Amino acid sequence: MRHMPFAVDQQMRDQWMFCMDKALAEVVEDKLLRQGLSHSLAQLASHMINR
């Protein structure tokens, strides 16, 4: 509910995921772990879409 006051659309979700994937690539060396984290974050980001 904290994010409800903020408009989150598909484009904003995609931009956030782009940044998160770049950060994961810099920090997480293990490819499978990085993919798993990215997948989980993508599900969370999609859930935040409210517009």
N, C-alpha and C. Protein backbone atom coordinates (compact mmCIF):
# COMPACT_ATOMS: atom_id res chain seq x y z
N MET A 1 0.81 -1.21 0.00
CA MET A 1 0.00 0.00 0.00
C MET A 1 0.85 1.27 0.00
N ARG A 2 2.11 1.16 0.40
CA ARG A 2 2.96 2.35 0.43
C ARG A 2 3.15 2.97 -0.95
N HIS A 3 3.08 2.14 -1.97
CA HIS A 3 3.34 2.63 -3.32
C HIS A 3 2.08 3.16 -4.01
N MET A 4 0.92 2.94 -3.42
CA MET A 4 -0.32 3.35 -4.07
C MET A 4 -0.40 4.85 -4.39
N PRO A 5 0.15 5.74 -3.57
CA PRO A 5 0.07 7.16 -3.93
C PRO A 5 0.88 7.51 -5.18
N PHE A 6 1.74 6.60 -5.61
CA PHE A 6 2.61 6.86 -6.75
C PHE A 6 2.11 6.10 -7.98
N ALA A 7 2.04 6.80 -9.08
CA ALA A 7 1.61 6.16 -10.33
C ALA A 7 2.74 5.27 -10.84
N VAL A 8 2.45 3.98 -10.97
CA VAL A 8 3.42 3.02 -11.49
C VAL A 8 2.78 2.35 -12.69
N ASP A 9 3.37 2.58 -13.87
CA ASP A 9 2.86 1.95 -15.08
C ASP A 9 3.90 0.99 -15.64
N GLN A 10 3.60 0.38 -16.77
CA GLN A 10 4.50 -0.60 -17.37
C GLN A 10 5.86 0.00 -17.70
N GLN A 11 5.87 1.22 -18.20
CA GLN A 11 7.14 1.86 -18.56
C GLN A 11 8.00 2.09 -17.31
N MET A 12 7.38 2.55 -16.23
CA MET A 12 8.14 2.78 -15.00
C MET A 12 8.67 1.45 -14.45
N ARG A 13 7.86 0.41 -14.52
CA ARG A 13 8.29 -0.92 -14.09
C ARG A 13 9.50 -1.38 -14.89
N ASP A 14 9.43 -1.20 -16.20
CA ASP A 14 10.53 -1.63 -17.07
C ASP A 14 11.81 -0.83 -16.80
N GLN A 15 11.68 0.45 -16.54
CA GLN A 15 12.84 1.28 -16.23
C GLN A 15 13.47 0.85 -14.90
N TRP A 16 12.63 0.54 -13.93
CA TRP A 16 13.13 0.09 -12.62
C TRP A 16 13.85 -1.24 -12.77
N MET A 17 13.27 -2.14 -13.56
CA MET A 17 13.90 -3.45 -13.78
C MET A 17 15.23 -3.30 -14.53
N PHE A 18 15.31 -2.37 -15.45
CA PHE A 18 16.58 -2.12 -16.15
C PHE A 18 17.66 -1.74 -15.14
N CYS A 19 17.32 -0.83 -14.23
CA CYS A 19 18.28 -0.41 -13.20
C CYS A 19 18.63 -1.57 -12.26
N MET A 20 17.64 -2.34 -11.86
CA MET A 20 17.90 -3.46 -10.95
C MET A 20 18.77 -4.51 -11.62
N ASP A 21 18.53 -4.80 -12.89
CA ASP A 21 19.34 -5.78 -13.60
C ASP A 21 20.78 -5.31 -13.75
N LYS A 22 20.97 -4.01 -13.97
CA LYS A 22 22.33 -3.48 -14.03
C LYS A 22 23.03 -3.62 -12.68
N ALA A 23 22.31 -3.33 -11.61
CA ALA A 23 22.88 -3.44 -10.27
C ALA A 23 23.22 -4.90 -9.96
N LEU A 24 22.32 -5.81 -10.29
CA LEU A 24 22.58 -7.23 -10.04
C LEU A 24 23.81 -7.69 -10.82
N ALA A 25 23.95 -7.23 -12.05
CA ALA A 25 25.11 -7.62 -12.87
C ALA A 25 26.41 -7.15 -12.24
N GLU A 26 26.38 -6.02 -11.57
CA GLU A 26 27.58 -5.48 -10.93
C GLU A 26 27.92 -6.18 -9.62
N VAL A 27 26.89 -6.66 -8.91
CA VAL A 27 27.09 -7.13 -7.55
C VAL A 27 27.07 -8.66 -7.41
N VAL A 28 26.22 -9.31 -8.18
CA VAL A 28 26.02 -10.76 -8.02
C VAL A 28 26.78 -11.51 -9.11
N GLU A 29 27.79 -12.22 -8.71
CA GLU A 29 28.62 -12.94 -9.67
C GLU A 29 27.97 -14.23 -10.18
N ASP A 30 27.28 -14.95 -9.31
CA ASP A 30 26.67 -16.22 -9.68
C ASP A 30 25.50 -16.00 -10.64
N LYS A 31 25.61 -16.54 -11.84
CA LYS A 31 24.60 -16.31 -12.88
C LYS A 31 23.22 -16.83 -12.48
N LEU A 32 23.15 -18.02 -11.91
CA LEU A 32 21.85 -18.58 -11.52
C LEU A 32 21.20 -17.77 -10.40
N LEU A 33 21.99 -17.35 -9.45
CA LEU A 33 21.46 -16.50 -8.38
C LEU A 33 20.96 -15.18 -8.95
N ARG A 34 21.74 -14.58 -9.83
CA ARG A 34 21.36 -13.31 -10.46
C ARG A 34 20.05 -13.45 -11.23
N GLN A 35 19.91 -14.55 -11.98
CA GLN A 35 18.68 -14.78 -12.74
C GLN A 35 17.49 -14.98 -11.81
N GLY A 36 17.70 -15.73 -10.73
CA GLY A 36 16.62 -15.95 -9.77
C GLY A 36 16.17 -14.66 -9.10
N LEU A 37 17.13 -13.85 -8.70
CA LEU A 37 16.80 -12.57 -8.08
C LEU A 37 16.07 -11.66 -9.07
N SER A 38 16.55 -11.63 -10.30
CA SER A 38 15.91 -10.81 -11.32
C SER A 38 14.47 -11.26 -11.56
N HIS A 39 14.26 -12.55 -11.61
CA HIS A 39 12.91 -13.08 -11.80
C HIS A 39 12.00 -12.66 -10.65
N SER A 40 12.47 -12.81 -9.43
CA SER A 40 11.67 -12.44 -8.26
C SER A 40 11.38 -10.94 -8.25
N LEU A 41 12.38 -10.14 -8.57
CA LEU A 41 12.17 -8.69 -8.61
C LEU A 41 11.21 -8.29 -9.72
N ALA A 42 11.25 -9.00 -10.84
CA ALA A 42 10.32 -8.72 -11.95
C ALA A 42 8.88 -8.99 -11.53
N GLN A 43 8.68 -10.07 -10.79
CA GLN A 43 7.33 -10.37 -10.30
C GLN A 43 6.85 -9.28 -9.34
N LEU A 44 7.73 -8.85 -8.46
CA LEU A 44 7.40 -7.77 -7.53
C LEU A 44 7.08 -6.49 -8.28
N ALA A 45 7.91 -6.16 -9.26
CA ALA A 45 7.72 -4.92 -10.03
C ALA A 45 6.39 -4.96 -10.78
N SER A 46 6.05 -6.10 -11.33
CA SER A 46 4.77 -6.22 -12.05
C SER A 46 3.60 -6.05 -11.09
N HIS A 47 3.75 -6.55 -9.89
CA HIS A 47 2.70 -6.43 -8.88
C HIS A 47 2.47 -4.96 -8.48
N MET A 48 3.49 -4.14 -8.60
CA MET A 48 3.38 -2.73 -8.19
C MET A 48 2.66 -1.86 -9.23
N ILE A 49 2.43 -2.38 -10.43
CA ILE A 49 1.75 -1.58 -11.46
C ILE A 49 0.34 -1.26 -10.98
N ASN A 50 0.04 0.02 -10.99
CA ASN A 50 -1.30 0.45 -10.53
C ASN A 50 -1.95 1.46 -11.47
N ARG A 51 -1.40 1.64 -12.62
CA ARG A 51 -1.99 2.57 -13.61
C ARG A 51 -1.99 1.92 -14.97
